[in-house]
Amino acid sequence: IEHHPKPRLCLVGEPTMMGVVDTHKGIRSYVTTVTGLEAHS
């Protein structure tokens, strides 16, 4: 976008058995860290 004219369309070639996919789910991933307090069990 910064250095070239914007393309008019894009074809992403992920495996679809050559079917046309017009929608897919989104992903959000996270890492949760819990900090506790050590002691003898």
All heavy atoms as atom14 arrays in JSON, in Angstrom:
{
  "sequence": "IEHHPKPRLCLVGEPTMMGVVDTHKGIRSYVTTVTGLEAHS",
  "atom14_mask": [
    [1, 1, 1, 1, 1, 1, 1, 1, 0, 0, 0, 0, 0, 0],
    [1, 1, 1, 1, 1, 1, 1, 1, 1, 0, 0, 0, 0, 0],
    [1, 1, 1, 1, 1, 1, 1, 1, 1, 1, 0, 0, 0, 0],
    [1, 1, 1, 1, 1, 1, 1, 1, 1, 1, 0, 0, 0, 0],
    [1, 1, 1, 1, 1, 1, 1, 0, 0, 0, 0, 0, 0, 0],
    [1, 1, 1, 1, 1, 1, 1, 1, 1, 0, 0, 0, 0, 0],
    [1, 1, 1, 1, 1, 1, 1, 0, 0, 0, 0, 0, 0, 0],
    [1, 1, 1, 1, 1, 1, 1, 1, 1, 1, 1, 0, 0, 0],
    [1, 1, 1, 1, 1, 1, 1, 1, 0, 0, 0, 0, 0, 0],
    [1, 1, 1, 1, 1, 1, 0, 0, 0, 0, 0, 0, 0, 0],
    [1, 1, 1, 1, 1, 1, 1, 1, 0, 0, 0, 0, 0, 0],
    [1, 1, 1, 1, 1, 1, 1, 0, 0, 0, 0, 0, 0, 0],
    [1, 1, 1, 1, 0, 0, 0, 0, 0, 0, 0, 0, 0, 0],
    [1, 1, 1, 1, 1, 1, 1, 1, 1, 0, 0, 0, 0, 0],
    [1, 1, 1, 1, 1, 1, 1, 0, 0, 0, 0, 0, 0, 0],
    [1, 1, 1, 1, 1, 1, 1, 0, 0, 0, 0, 0, 0, 0],
    [1, 1, 1, 1, 1, 1, 1, 1, 0, 0, 0, 0, 0, 0],
    [1, 1, 1, 1, 1, 1, 1, 1, 0, 0, 0, 0, 0, 0],
    [1, 1, 1, 1, 0, 0, 0, 0, 0, 0, 0, 0, 0, 0],
    [1, 1, 1, 1, 1, 1, 1, 0, 0, 0, 0, 0, 0, 0],
    [1, 1, 1, 1, 1, 1, 1, 0, 0, 0, 0, 0, 0, 0],
    [1, 1, 1, 1, 1, 1, 1, 1, 0, 0, 0, 0, 0, 0],
    [1, 1, 1, 1, 1, 1, 1, 0, 0, 0, 0, 0, 0, 0],
    [1, 1, 1, 1, 1, 1, 1, 1, 1, 1, 0, 0, 0, 0],
    [1, 1, 1, 1, 1, 1, 1, 1, 1, 0, 0, 0, 0, 0],
    [1, 1, 1, 1, 0, 0, 0, 0, 0, 0, 0, 0, 0, 0],
    [1, 1, 1, 1, 1, 1, 1, 1, 0, 0, 0, 0, 0, 0],
    [1, 1, 1, 1, 1, 1, 1, 1, 1, 1, 1, 0, 0, 0],
    [1, 1, 1, 1, 1, 1, 0, 0, 0, 0, 0, 0, 0, 0],
    [1, 1, 1, 1, 1, 1, 1, 1, 1, 1, 1, 1, 0, 0],
    [1, 1, 1, 1, 1, 1, 1, 0, 0, 0, 0, 0, 0, 0],
    [1, 1, 1, 1, 1, 1, 1, 0, 0, 0, 0, 0, 0, 0],
    [1, 1, 1, 1, 1, 1, 1, 0, 0, 0, 0, 0, 0, 0],
    [1, 1, 1, 1, 1, 1, 1, 0, 0, 0, 0, 0, 0, 0],
    [1, 1, 1, 1, 1, 1, 1, 0, 0, 0, 0, 0, 0, 0],
    [1, 1, 1, 1, 0, 0, 0, 0, 0, 0, 0, 0, 0, 0],
    [1, 1, 1, 1, 1, 1, 1, 1, 0, 0, 0, 0, 0, 0],
    [1, 1, 1, 1, 1, 1, 1, 1, 1, 0, 0, 0, 0, 0],
    [1, 1, 1, 1, 1, 0, 0, 0, 0, 0, 0, 0, 0, 0],
    [1, 1, 1, 1, 1, 1, 1, 1, 1, 1, 0, 0, 0, 0],
    [1, 1, 1, 1, 1, 1, 0, 0, 0, 0, 0, 0, 0, 0]
  ],
  "atom14_positions": [
    [[0.82, -1.21, 0.0], [0.0, 0.0, 0.0], [0.86, 1.26, 0.0], [0.53, 2.26, -0.64], [-0.96, -0.03, 1.2], [-2.01, -1.14, 0.98], [-1.65, 1.31, 1.4], [-2.92, -1.35, 2.15], [0.0, 0.0, 0.0], [0.0, 0.0, 0.0], [0.0, 0.0, 0.0], [0.0, 0.0, 0.0], [0.0, 0.0, 0.0], [0.0, 0.0, 0.0]],
    [[1.99, 1.21, 0.69], [2.85, 2.4, 0.78], [3.64, 2.65, -0.5], [3.84, 3.8, -0.89], [3.82, 2.24, 1.96], [4.74, 3.44, 2.14], [5.67, 3.31, 3.33], [5.56, 2.3, 4.06], [6.51, 4.21, 3.52], [0.0, 0.0, 0.0], [0.0, 0.0, 0.0], [0.0, 0.0, 0.0], [0.0, 0.0, 0.0], [0.0, 0.0, 0.0]],
    [[4.06, 1.58, -1.17], [5.01, 1.76, -2.27], [4.44, 1.44, -3.66], [5.13, 1.68, -4.66], [6.24, 0.88, -2.03], [7.0, 1.24, -0.8], [7.82, 2.35, -0.72], [7.05, 0.66, 0.43], [8.36, 2.42, 0.49], [7.91, 1.41, 1.2], [0.0, 0.0, 0.0], [0.0, 0.0, 0.0], [0.0, 0.0, 0.0], [0.0, 0.0, 0.0]],
    [[3.23, 0.9, -3.72], [2.69, 0.49, -5.01], [1.22, 0.88, -5.12], [0.54, 1.07, -4.11], [2.83, -1.03, -5.18], [4.24, -1.52, -5.14], [5.06, -1.49, -6.24], [4.97, -2.05, -4.12], [6.24, -1.99, -5.9], [6.22, -2.33, -4.63], [0.0, 0.0, 0.0], [0.0, 0.0, 0.0], [0.0, 0.0, 0.0], [0.0, 0.0, 0.0]],
    [[0.72, 0.95, -6.34], [-0.73, 1.14, -6.5], [-1.47, -0.05, -5.88], [-1.0, -1.18, -5.94], [-0.91, 1.16, -8.03], [0.43, 1.48, -8.59], [1.42, 0.9, -7.64], [0.0, 0.0, 0.0], [0.0, 0.0, 0.0], [0.0, 0.0, 0.0], [0.0, 0.0, 0.0], [0.0, 0.0, 0.0], [0.0, 0.0, 0.0], [0.0, 0.0, 0.0]],
    [[-2.63, 0.24, -5.3], [-3.38, -0.83, -4.65], [-3.9, -1.81, -5.7], [-4.5, -1.42, -6.69], [-4.55, -0.25, -3.86], [-5.36, -1.33, -3.11], [-6.57, -0.75, -2.42], [-6.18, 0.1, -1.23], [-7.38, 0.52, -0.46], [0.0, 0.0, 0.0], [0.0, 0.0, 0.0], [0.0, 0.0, 0.0], [0.0, 0.0, 0.0], [0.0, 0.0, 0.0]],
    [[-3.68, -3.12, -5.5], [-4.25, -4.12, -6.41], [-5.77, -4.08, -6.39], [-6.38, -3.69, -5.4], [-3.73, -5.45, -5.83], [-2.56, -5.09, -4.98], [-2.86, -3.72, -4.43], [0.0, 0.0, 0.0], [0.0, 0.0, 0.0], [0.0, 0.0, 0.0], [0.0, 0.0, 0.0], [0.0, 0.0, 0.0], [0.0, 0.0, 0.0], [0.0, 0.0, 0.0]],
    [[-6.38, -4.5, -7.48], [-7.84, -4.44, -7.53], [-8.5, -5.66, -6.89], [-9.66, -5.6, -6.5], [-8.34, -4.24, -8.96], [-8.19, -5.39, -9.92], [-8.71, -5.0, -11.3], [-8.61, -6.08, -12.27], [-9.6, -6.91, -12.57], [-10.76, -6.79, -11.95], [-9.44, -7.86, -13.47], [0.0, 0.0, 0.0], [0.0, 0.0, 0.0], [0.0, 0.0, 0.0]],
    [[-7.74, -6.76, -6.76], [-8.29, -7.93, -6.08], [-7.17, -8.89, -5.72], [-6.04, -8.76, -6.21], [-9.35, -8.63, -6.93], [-8.92, -9.26, -8.26], [-8.54, -10.73, -8.09], [-10.03, -9.15, -9.28], [0.0, 0.0, 0.0], [0.0, 0.0, 0.0], [0.0, 0.0, 0.0], [0.0, 0.0, 0.0], [0.0, 0.0, 0.0], [0.0, 0.0, 0.0]],
    [[-7.51, -9.86, -4.87], [-6.51, -10.84, -4.41], [-7.13, -12.23, -4.39], [-8.28, -12.42, -3.97], [-6.01, -10.46, -3.02], [-4.87, -11.66, -2.28], [0.0, 0.0, 0.0], [0.0, 0.0, 0.0], [0.0, 0.0, 0.0], [0.0, 0.0, 0.0], [0.0, 0.0, 0.0], [0.0, 0.0, 0.0], [0.0, 0.0, 0.0], [0.0, 0.0, 0.0]],
    [[-6.35, -13.22, -4.83], [-6.72, -14.63, -4.75], [-5.73, -15.32, -3.83], [-4.53, -15.37, -4.12], [-6.68, -15.27, -6.14], [-7.54, -14.61, -7.22], [-7.29, -15.28, -8.57], [-9.02, -14.67, -6.86], [0.0, 0.0, 0.0], [0.0, 0.0, 0.0], [0.0, 0.0, 0.0], [0.0, 0.0, 0.0], [0.0, 0.0, 0.0], [0.0, 0.0, 0.0]],
    [[-6.2, -15.81, -2.69], [-5.36, -16.52, -1.73], [-5.5, -18.02, -2.0], [-6.61, -18.56, -1.96], [-5.78, -16.19, -0.29], [-4.96, -17.03, 0.7], [-5.58, -14.7, 0.0], [0.0, 0.0, 0.0], [0.0, 0.0, 0.0], [0.0, 0.0, 0.0], [0.0, 0.0, 0.0], [0.0, 0.0, 0.0], [0.0, 0.0, 0.0], [0.0, 0.0, 0.0]],
    [[-4.39, -18.69, -2.27], [-4.46, -20.06, -2.76], [-4.41, -21.15, -1.72], [-3.83, -22.22, -1.96], [0.0, 0.0, 0.0], [0.0, 0.0, 0.0], [0.0, 0.0, 0.0], [0.0, 0.0, 0.0], [0.0, 0.0, 0.0], [0.0, 0.0, 0.0], [0.0, 0.0, 0.0], [0.0, 0.0, 0.0], [0.0, 0.0, 0.0], [0.0, 0.0, 0.0]],
    [[-5.01, -20.93, -0.55], [-5.1, -22.01, 0.44], [-5.92, -23.16, -0.13], [-6.77, -22.97, -1.02], [-5.76, -21.49, 1.72], [-4.93, -20.5, 2.51], [-3.91, -21.17, 3.41], [-3.74, -22.42, 3.33], [-3.28, -20.47, 4.22], [0.0, 0.0, 0.0], [0.0, 0.0, 0.0], [0.0, 0.0, 0.0], [0.0, 0.0, 0.0], [0.0, 0.0, 0.0]],
    [[-5.71, -24.38, 0.37], [-6.41, -25.54, -0.2], [-7.93, -25.49, 0.0], [-8.41, -25.46, 1.12], [-5.8, -26.73, 0.54], [-5.15, -26.17, 1.76], [-4.74, -24.78, 1.42], [0.0, 0.0, 0.0], [0.0, 0.0, 0.0], [0.0, 0.0, 0.0], [0.0, 0.0, 0.0], [0.0, 0.0, 0.0], [0.0, 0.0, 0.0], [0.0, 0.0, 0.0]],
    [[-8.64, -25.47, -1.12], [-10.11, -25.47, -1.11], [-10.68, -26.47, -2.11], [-11.86, -26.42, -2.42], [-10.66, -24.08, -1.47], [-10.33, -23.8, -2.85], [-10.11, -22.99, -0.58], [0.0, 0.0, 0.0], [0.0, 0.0, 0.0], [0.0, 0.0, 0.0], [0.0, 0.0, 0.0], [0.0, 0.0, 0.0], [0.0, 0.0, 0.0], [0.0, 0.0, 0.0]],
    [[-9.83, -27.37, -2.65], [-10.23, -28.27, -3.74], [-10.7, -27.45, -4.94], [-11.58, -27.84, -5.68], [-11.31, -29.24, -3.28], [-10.83, -30.23, -2.22], [-9.58, -31.39, -2.84], [-10.59, -32.47, -3.85], [0.0, 0.0, 0.0], [0.0, 0.0, 0.0], [0.0, 0.0, 0.0], [0.0, 0.0, 0.0], [0.0, 0.0, 0.0], [0.0, 0.0, 0.0]],
    [[-10.1, -26.28, -5.09], [-10.39, -25.33, -6.18], [-11.82, -24.8, -6.15], [-12.32, -24.29, -7.14], [-10.05, -25.92, -7.54], [-8.57, -26.23, -7.74], [-7.45, -24.86, -7.33], [-7.96, -23.59, -8.49], [0.0, 0.0, 0.0], [0.0, 0.0, 0.0], [0.0, 0.0, 0.0], [0.0, 0.0, 0.0], [0.0, 0.0, 0.0], [0.0, 0.0, 0.0]],
    [[-12.47, -24.93, -5.0], [-13.74, -24.24, -4.81], [-13.49, -22.81, -4.38], [-12.4, -22.47, -3.87], [0.0, 0.0, 0.0], [0.0, 0.0, 0.0], [0.0, 0.0, 0.0], [0.0, 0.0, 0.0], [0.0, 0.0, 0.0], [0.0, 0.0, 0.0], [0.0, 0.0, 0.0], [0.0, 0.0, 0.0], [0.0, 0.0, 0.0], [0.0, 0.0, 0.0]],
    [[-14.45, -21.95, -4.56], [-14.31, -20.53, -4.23], [-14.87, -20.29, -2.83], [-16.07, -20.47, -2.59], [-15.04, -19.64, -5.25], [-14.89, -18.17, -4.88], [-14.48, -19.89, -6.66], [0.0, 0.0, 0.0], [0.0, 0.0, 0.0], [0.0, 0.0, 0.0], [0.0, 0.0, 0.0], [0.0, 0.0, 0.0], [0.0, 0.0, 0.0], [0.0, 0.0, 0.0]],
    [[-13.99, -19.89, -1.92], [-14.37, -19.61, -0.53], [-14.51, -18.1, -0.36], [-13.54, -17.37, -0.57], [-13.34, -20.18, 0.45], [-13.57, -19.64, 1.86], [-13.39, -21.71, 0.44], [0.0, 0.0, 0.0], [0.0, 0.0, 0.0], [0.0, 0.0, 0.0], [0.0, 0.0, 0.0], [0.0, 0.0, 0.0], [0.0, 0.0, 0.0], [0.0, 0.0, 0.0]],
    [[-15.7, -17.66, 0.01], [-15.93, -16.22, 0.16], [-16.02, -15.79, 1.61], [-16.17, -14.6, 1.9], [-17.21, -15.8, -0.58], [-18.47, -16.32, 0.1], [-18.43, -17.41, 0.72], [-19.52, -15.65, 0.0], [0.0, 0.0, 0.0], [0.0, 0.0, 0.0], [0.0, 0.0, 0.0], [0.0, 0.0, 0.0], [0.0, 0.0, 0.0], [0.0, 0.0, 0.0]],
    [[-15.93, -16.74, 2.54], [-16.01, -16.37, 3.96], [-15.33, -17.42, 4.83], [-15.4, -18.63, 4.54], [-17.47, -16.17, 4.41], [-17.5, -15.77, 5.78], [-18.29, -17.45, 4.24], [0.0, 0.0, 0.0], [0.0, 0.0, 0.0], [0.0, 0.0, 0.0], [0.0, 0.0, 0.0], [0.0, 0.0, 0.0], [0.0, 0.0, 0.0], [0.0, 0.0, 0.0]],
    [[-14.66, -16.96, 5.87], [-14.1, -17.88, 6.86], [-14.08, -17.21, 8.22], [-14.26, -15.99, 8.35], [-12.7, -18.37, 6.46], [-11.62, -17.32, 6.37], [-11.24, -16.53, 7.43], [-10.81, -16.96, 5.34], [-10.25, -15.74, 7.07], [-9.98, -15.96, 5.8], [0.0, 0.0, 0.0], [0.0, 0.0, 0.0], [0.0, 0.0, 0.0], [0.0, 0.0, 0.0]],
    [[-13.9, -18.01, 9.24], [-13.87, -17.5, 10.61], [-12.58, -16.72, 10.86], [-11.58, -16.88, 10.15], [-13.99, -18.66, 11.61], [-15.32, -19.38, 11.57], [-15.37, -20.52, 12.59], [-16.71, -21.24, 12.55], [-16.78, -22.35, 13.53], [0.0, 0.0, 0.0], [0.0, 0.0, 0.0], [0.0, 0.0, 0.0], [0.0, 0.0, 0.0], [0.0, 0.0, 0.0]],
    [[-12.62, -15.88, 11.89], [-11.42, -15.19, 12.32], [-10.82, -15.89, 13.53], [-11.48, -16.71, 14.18], [0.0, 0.0, 0.0], [0.0, 0.0, 0.0], [0.0, 0.0, 0.0], [0.0, 0.0, 0.0], [0.0, 0.0, 0.0], [0.0, 0.0, 0.0], [0.0, 0.0, 0.0], [0.0, 0.0, 0.0], [0.0, 0.0, 0.0], [0.0, 0.0, 0.0]],
    [[-9.57, -15.6, 13.83], [-8.89, -16.21, 14.99], [-8.31, -15.11, 15.87], [-7.68, -14.16, 15.37], [-7.74, -17.13, 14.57], [-8.23, -18.28, 13.7], [-7.03, -17.69, 15.8], [-7.12, -19.2, 13.25], [0.0, 0.0, 0.0], [0.0, 0.0, 0.0], [0.0, 0.0, 0.0], [0.0, 0.0, 0.0], [0.0, 0.0, 0.0], [0.0, 0.0, 0.0]],
    [[-8.53, -15.25, 17.16], [-7.81, -14.45, 18.15], [-7.22, -15.41, 19.17], [-7.94, -16.25, 19.72], [-8.74, -13.44, 18.83], [-9.18, -12.35, 17.85], [-10.14, -11.38, 18.48], [-10.53, -10.4, 17.47], [-10.24, -9.1, 17.54], [-9.6, -8.62, 18.58], [-10.62, -8.27, 16.58], [0.0, 0.0, 0.0], [0.0, 0.0, 0.0], [0.0, 0.0, 0.0]],
    [[-5.92, -15.32, 19.38], [-5.27, -16.22, 20.33], [-4.53, -15.41, 21.4], [-4.08, -14.28, 21.14], [-4.3, -17.16, 19.61], [-3.24, -16.45, 19.01], [0.0, 0.0, 0.0], [0.0, 0.0, 0.0], [0.0, 0.0, 0.0], [0.0, 0.0, 0.0], [0.0, 0.0, 0.0], [0.0, 0.0, 0.0], [0.0, 0.0, 0.0], [0.0, 0.0, 0.0]],
    [[-4.44, -16.0, 22.58], [-3.91, -15.3, 23.75], [-3.05, -16.25, 24.58], [-3.2, -17.47, 24.52], [-5.06, -14.78, 24.62], [-5.99, -13.84, 23.9], [-7.09, -14.32, 23.2], [-5.76, -12.47, 23.89], [-7.94, -13.48, 22.52], [-6.6, -11.61, 23.2], [-7.69, -12.12, 22.52], [-8.53, -11.28, 21.83], [0.0, 0.0, 0.0], [0.0, 0.0, 0.0]],
    [[-2.19, -15.65, 25.39], [-1.45, -16.38, 26.41], [-1.78, -15.75, 27.76], [-1.58, -14.54, 27.96], [0.07, -16.34, 26.16], [0.8, -17.02, 27.31], [0.41, -17.02, 24.84], [0.0, 0.0, 0.0], [0.0, 0.0, 0.0], [0.0, 0.0, 0.0], [0.0, 0.0, 0.0], [0.0, 0.0, 0.0], [0.0, 0.0, 0.0], [0.0, 0.0, 0.0]],
    [[-2.31, -16.57, 28.66], [-2.65, -16.11, 30.01], [-1.64, -16.68, 30.98], [-1.37, -17.89, 30.98], [-4.07, -16.55, 30.4], [-5.02, -15.91, 29.53], [-4.38, -16.17, 31.84], [0.0, 0.0, 0.0], [0.0, 0.0, 0.0], [0.0, 0.0, 0.0], [0.0, 0.0, 0.0], [0.0, 0.0, 0.0], [0.0, 0.0, 0.0], [0.0, 0.0, 0.0]],
    [[-1.06, -15.81, 31.81], [-0.08, -16.22, 32.81], [-0.61, -15.91, 34.2], [-1.02, -14.78, 34.48], [1.26, -15.49, 32.6], [1.75, -15.77, 31.29], [2.29, -15.93, 33.63], [0.0, 0.0, 0.0], [0.0, 0.0, 0.0], [0.0, 0.0, 0.0], [0.0, 0.0, 0.0], [0.0, 0.0, 0.0], [0.0, 0.0, 0.0], [0.0, 0.0, 0.0]],
    [[-0.61, -16.92, 35.05], [-1.02, -16.77, 36.44], [0.22, -16.79, 37.32], [1.05, -17.7, 37.2], [-1.98, -17.9, 36.87], [-2.38, -17.73, 38.34], [-3.21, -17.95, 35.97], [0.0, 0.0, 0.0], [0.0, 0.0, 0.0], [0.0, 0.0, 0.0], [0.0, 0.0, 0.0], [0.0, 0.0, 0.0], [0.0, 0.0, 0.0], [0.0, 0.0, 0.0]],
    [[0.37, -15.79, 38.17], [1.46, -15.74, 39.14], [0.87, -15.92, 40.53], [0.01, -15.15, 40.96], [2.21, -14.4, 39.07], [2.7, -14.2, 37.74], [3.37, -14.37, 40.05], [0.0, 0.0, 0.0], [0.0, 0.0, 0.0], [0.0, 0.0, 0.0], [0.0, 0.0, 0.0], [0.0, 0.0, 0.0], [0.0, 0.0, 0.0], [0.0, 0.0, 0.0]],
    [[1.32, -16.95, 41.2], [0.83, -17.25, 42.55], [1.9, -17.03, 43.6], [2.75, -16.15, 43.45], [0.0, 0.0, 0.0], [0.0, 0.0, 0.0], [0.0, 0.0, 0.0], [0.0, 0.0, 0.0], [0.0, 0.0, 0.0], [0.0, 0.0, 0.0], [0.0, 0.0, 0.0], [0.0, 0.0, 0.0], [0.0, 0.0, 0.0], [0.0, 0.0, 0.0]],
    [[1.89, -17.85, 44.64], [2.83, -17.72, 45.76], [3.26, -19.11, 46.18], [2.43, -19.94, 46.54], [2.18, -16.98, 46.92], [3.03, -16.79, 48.18], [4.26, -15.93, 47.88], [2.2, -16.17, 49.3], [0.0, 0.0, 0.0], [0.0, 0.0, 0.0], [0.0, 0.0, 0.0], [0.0, 0.0, 0.0], [0.0, 0.0, 0.0], [0.0, 0.0, 0.0]],
    [[4.58, -19.37, 46.11], [5.08, -20.69, 46.49], [4.95, -20.92, 47.98], [4.99, -19.98, 48.78], [6.56, -20.86, 46.12], [6.9, -20.63, 44.68], [7.61, -19.32, 44.47], [7.17, -18.32, 45.08], [8.6, -19.28, 43.72], [0.0, 0.0, 0.0], [0.0, 0.0, 0.0], [0.0, 0.0, 0.0], [0.0, 0.0, 0.0], [0.0, 0.0, 0.0]],
    [[4.8, -22.19, 48.31], [4.83, -22.64, 49.71], [4.99, -24.15, 49.69], [4.87, -24.79, 48.63], [3.56, -22.24, 50.43], [0.0, 0.0, 0.0], [0.0, 0.0, 0.0], [0.0, 0.0, 0.0], [0.0, 0.0, 0.0], [0.0, 0.0, 0.0], [0.0, 0.0, 0.0], [0.0, 0.0, 0.0], [0.0, 0.0, 0.0], [0.0, 0.0, 0.0]],
    [[5.28, -24.71, 50.85], [5.31, -26.16, 50.96], [3.9, -26.69, 50.68], [2.9, -26.09, 51.09], [5.75, -26.57, 52.38], [6.1, -28.01, 52.5], [5.15, -29.01, 52.55], [7.31, -28.62, 52.59], [5.75, -30.18, 52.67], [7.08, -29.97, 52.69], [0.0, 0.0, 0.0], [0.0, 0.0, 0.0], [0.0, 0.0, 0.0], [0.0, 0.0, 0.0]],
    [[3.82, -27.79, 49.97], [2.51, -28.28, 49.55], [1.64, -28.72, 50.72], [0.43, -28.92, 50.54], [2.67, -29.44, 48.56], [3.38, -30.51, 49.16], [0.0, 0.0, 0.0], [0.0, 0.0, 0.0], [0.0, 0.0, 0.0], [0.0, 0.0, 0.0], [0.0, 0.0, 0.0], [0.0, 0.0, 0.0], [0.0, 0.0, 0.0], [0.0, 0.0, 0.0]]
  ]
}
